[in-house]
Amino acid sequence: PFSSLLEIGCNCGPNLVKISSFPDVRLAGIDINEDAVRRGRELLPGVEVRVGSAERLPFGQWEFDVVLTDAVLLYVNPQKIEAVMDEISRVAGRGIILVEWDAESKLGEIKRNHWCRDYKKLLEERGFEVEKIKLTEKEWPTKSWSEHGFVYVSRRV
């Protein structure tokens, strides 16, 4: 059970729309795309959707039970990923869920327009216990995602 969730890189909010069926959960989203945020506010009245950067999240420490990313961090430049992960872990009170590509290549390398990195290690370094779950074609029916995609479910220890 959780009572609050922040999605980083929420776009116009398709994940938040699905999660909004959970009763009594405070939802929020942040994205750098102003047009997407404007549309998200229309689609999700009562949900806090903001324009902003994952490098400087405008939220307090441990403000959300859960922080979620979905195909966002793989676009973050390697020089910025540590700051982004610090911010995510700062606002996540209980857990973090990342849906991202795994670092099957050399770290810092670009593979199919995505930065490669070890999210399990990045989360563990910030005090989280991590379960790494392979995405299958059933869950994400795109060949590249079924080959490289994982869900990282973590909880603060």
Foldseek 3Di string as FASTA:
>chain_A
DFAEEEEEQCQLNPVVVVVVVDPNHAYEYEHQDPVSQVNNCVVDPPHHYYYDDLLDDPDAFLQGQEYEYAADLQQDQPVRNLSSLVSRNRNHNWKYKYWYFEQPDPAQDADPNTGHDHVCVSVVVSQKHWDKAQDACVRPVDVVCNVTIIIIIITHD
